[in-house]
């Protein structure tokens, strides 16, 4: 592909991290944040509803709270990704329990993939991500320029 088909973005040294957990995983994410408090205190944290509140209360870290997932919190996080205000998502989800907002979760994960945002869906992945060398330095990511892709597809359809 041609180089201009990508748009470059920098994830700064100080990350904007979204913390999300389904009900059955809230205690696990609180414990994970507490265990990684020394790393996370150097970054900007946000989260959905109860998860953000619980993390802030139990760890005493500042966490900006959005709505709960079923009330649009996942969509708010997704919009912040599009705006360039979230660099990293830790989402402890329960794959065995159907959620009323599953379409919102899928949309959040899709938008994270579109914008090349790292996502951890469980503790092991979160552990790998948070101990990565990139947690303490800038990271250059490239996002496919979808406007160019759409223009090319329209041109190909017209031929």
Protein backbone atom coordinates (compact mmCIF):
# COMPACT_ATOMS: atom_id res chain seq x y z
CA UNK A 1 0.00 0.00 0.00
CA UNK A 2 1.02 3.56 -0.57
CA UNK A 3 2.38 5.39 2.49
CA UNK A 4 -0.32 8.11 2.39
CA UNK A 5 -2.92 5.43 2.96
CA UNK A 6 -1.98 5.61 6.64
CA UNK A 7 -2.28 8.40 9.15
CA UNK A 8 0.31 8.53 11.92
CA UNK A 9 -0.59 9.15 15.54
CA UNK A 10 1.59 9.32 18.61
CA UNK A 11 0.60 7.65 21.86
CA UNK A 12 2.37 9.88 24.36
CA UNK A 13 4.52 8.70 27.24
CA UNK A 14 1.67 9.48 29.62
CA UNK A 15 -1.20 7.26 28.44
CA UNK A 16 -4.95 7.84 28.60
CA UNK A 17 -6.24 4.48 29.80
CA UNK A 18 -9.87 3.33 29.85
CA UNK A 19 -10.78 0.77 32.53
CA UNK A 20 -13.94 -1.28 32.00
CA UNK A 21 -15.28 -4.45 33.62
CA UNK A 22 -18.44 -6.48 33.51
CA UNK A 23 -20.13 -7.00 36.88
CA UNK A 24 -18.58 -10.41 37.52
CA UNK A 25 -15.10 -8.97 36.78
CA UNK A 26 -15.23 -5.75 38.79
CA UNK A 27 -13.42 -7.14 41.82
CA UNK A 28 -10.73 -8.60 39.55
CA UNK A 29 -10.05 -5.27 37.82
CA UNK A 30 -9.96 -3.42 41.15
CA UNK A 31 -7.37 -5.92 42.43
CA UNK A 32 -5.40 -5.62 39.17
CA UNK A 33 -5.34 -1.82 39.39
CA UNK A 34 -4.27 -1.98 43.03
CA UNK A 35 -1.44 -4.38 42.13
CA UNK A 36 -0.31 -2.03 39.34
CA UNK A 37 -0.96 1.23 41.15
CA UNK A 38 2.66 2.40 40.92
CA UNK A 39 2.53 2.21 37.13
CA UNK A 40 -1.02 3.49 36.68
CA UNK A 41 -0.57 6.55 38.91
CA UNK A 42 1.58 8.05 36.13
CA UNK A 43 -1.23 7.91 33.57
CA UNK A 44 -4.67 9.40 33.04
CA UNK A 45 -7.41 6.93 33.98
CA UNK A 46 -11.05 6.84 33.02
CA UNK A 47 -13.71 4.17 33.09
CA UNK A 48 -17.34 3.29 32.86
CA UNK A 49 -19.78 3.90 35.72
CA UNK A 50 -19.42 1.62 38.68
CA UNK A 51 -16.02 0.31 37.56
CA UNK A 52 -14.51 3.81 37.66
CA UNK A 53 -16.12 4.57 41.03
CA UNK A 54 -14.95 1.30 42.61
CA UNK A 55 -11.39 1.72 41.33
CA UNK A 56 -11.23 5.31 42.60
CA UNK A 57 -12.64 4.35 46.01
CA UNK A 58 -10.51 1.24 46.56
CA UNK A 59 -7.20 2.47 45.12
CA UNK A 60 -7.48 6.24 45.75
CA UNK A 61 -6.35 6.87 42.17
CA UNK A 62 -8.20 9.58 40.21
CA UNK A 63 -10.49 7.96 37.63
CA UNK A 64 -12.77 10.01 35.37
CA UNK A 65 -16.14 8.25 35.26
CA UNK A 66 -18.39 7.97 32.24
CA UNK A 67 -21.83 6.35 32.21
CA UNK A 68 -22.20 2.67 33.00
CA UNK A 69 -21.93 0.37 29.98
CA UNK A 70 -25.67 -0.32 29.55
CA UNK A 71 -26.35 3.44 29.77
CA UNK A 72 -23.92 4.37 27.00
CA UNK A 73 -20.54 4.30 28.76
CA UNK A 74 -19.01 1.93 26.20
CA UNK A 75 -20.12 4.31 23.46
CA UNK A 76 -18.66 7.27 25.34
CA UNK A 77 -15.31 5.48 25.58
CA UNK A 78 -15.54 4.66 21.85
CA UNK A 79 -16.16 8.30 21.00
CA UNK A 80 -13.12 9.33 23.07
CA UNK A 81 -11.04 6.87 21.04
CA UNK A 82 -12.26 8.49 17.82
CA UNK A 83 -11.43 11.93 19.24
CA UNK A 84 -7.89 10.75 20.08
CA UNK A 85 -8.42 10.98 23.84
CA UNK A 86 -7.94 7.31 24.76
CA UNK A 87 -4.77 5.39 23.97
CA UNK A 88 -5.28 2.10 25.72
CA UNK A 89 -8.24 -0.02 26.91
CA UNK A 90 -8.30 -2.54 29.74
CA UNK A 91 -11.65 -4.33 29.54
CA UNK A 92 -12.16 -7.30 31.83
CA UNK A 93 -15.21 -8.85 30.22
CA UNK A 94 -17.14 -11.96 31.03
CA UNK A 95 -17.30 -14.08 27.86
CA UNK A 96 -19.76 -16.53 29.44
CA UNK A 97 -22.47 -14.05 30.35
CA UNK A 98 -24.71 -12.32 27.85
CA UNK A 99 -24.87 -8.57 28.43
CA UNK A 100 -27.78 -6.29 27.49
CA UNK A 101 -25.27 -3.94 25.87
CA UNK A 102 -23.32 -6.57 23.87
CA UNK A 103 -23.79 -4.56 20.63
CA UNK A 104 -22.16 -1.56 22.35
CA UNK A 105 -19.25 -3.73 23.50
CA UNK A 106 -18.78 -5.02 19.96
CA UNK A 107 -18.87 -1.45 18.63
CA UNK A 108 -16.25 -0.36 21.19
CA UNK A 109 -13.94 -3.24 20.25
CA UNK A 110 -14.43 -2.50 16.54
CA UNK A 111 -13.59 1.18 16.93
CA UNK A 112 -10.51 0.28 19.00
CA UNK A 113 -9.37 -2.00 16.15
CA UNK A 114 -10.07 0.69 13.53
CA UNK A 115 -7.96 3.21 15.44
CA UNK A 116 -5.21 0.70 16.32
CA UNK A 117 -5.77 1.03 20.08
CA UNK A 118 -4.27 -1.68 22.32
CA UNK A 119 -7.01 -3.63 24.13
CA UNK A 120 -6.66 -6.15 26.95
CA UNK A 121 -9.67 -8.36 27.54
CA UNK A 122 -8.25 -10.26 30.50
CA UNK A 123 -5.68 -10.04 33.28
CA UNK A 124 -2.92 -11.89 31.40
CA UNK A 125 -3.09 -9.56 28.42
CA UNK A 126 -3.30 -6.52 30.71
CA UNK A 127 -0.19 -7.74 32.55
CA UNK A 128 1.72 -8.09 29.27
CA UNK A 129 0.61 -4.67 28.05
CA UNK A 130 1.32 -2.76 31.24
CA UNK A 131 4.83 -4.22 31.52
CA UNK A 132 5.65 -3.47 27.90
CA UNK A 133 8.52 -1.08 27.21
CA UNK A 134 5.96 1.14 25.46
CA UNK A 135 4.29 2.00 28.76
CA UNK A 136 7.18 4.36 29.52
CA UNK A 137 7.76 5.86 26.09
CA UNK A 138 5.98 7.28 23.11
CA UNK A 139 4.58 4.89 20.53
CA UNK A 140 3.91 5.70 16.90
CA UNK A 141 0.85 3.98 15.53
CA UNK A 142 -0.48 4.03 12.01
CA UNK A 143 -4.17 4.03 11.24
CA UNK A 144 -5.46 3.11 7.84
CA UNK A 145 -6.79 6.21 6.07
CA UNK A 146 -10.31 4.93 5.50
CA UNK A 147 -11.23 7.98 3.41
CA UNK A 148 -8.62 6.88 0.85
CA UNK A 149 -9.86 3.30 0.98
CA UNK A 150 -13.46 4.39 0.39
CA UNK A 151 -12.42 6.68 -2.48
CA UNK A 152 -10.49 3.83 -4.09
CA UNK A 153 -13.42 1.44 -3.71
CA UNK A 154 -15.84 3.96 -5.26
CA UNK A 155 -13.45 4.46 -8.16
CA UNK A 156 -13.14 0.69 -8.65
CA UNK A 157 -16.94 0.30 -8.64
CA UNK A 158 -17.25 3.00 -11.30
CA UNK A 159 -14.95 1.19 -13.71
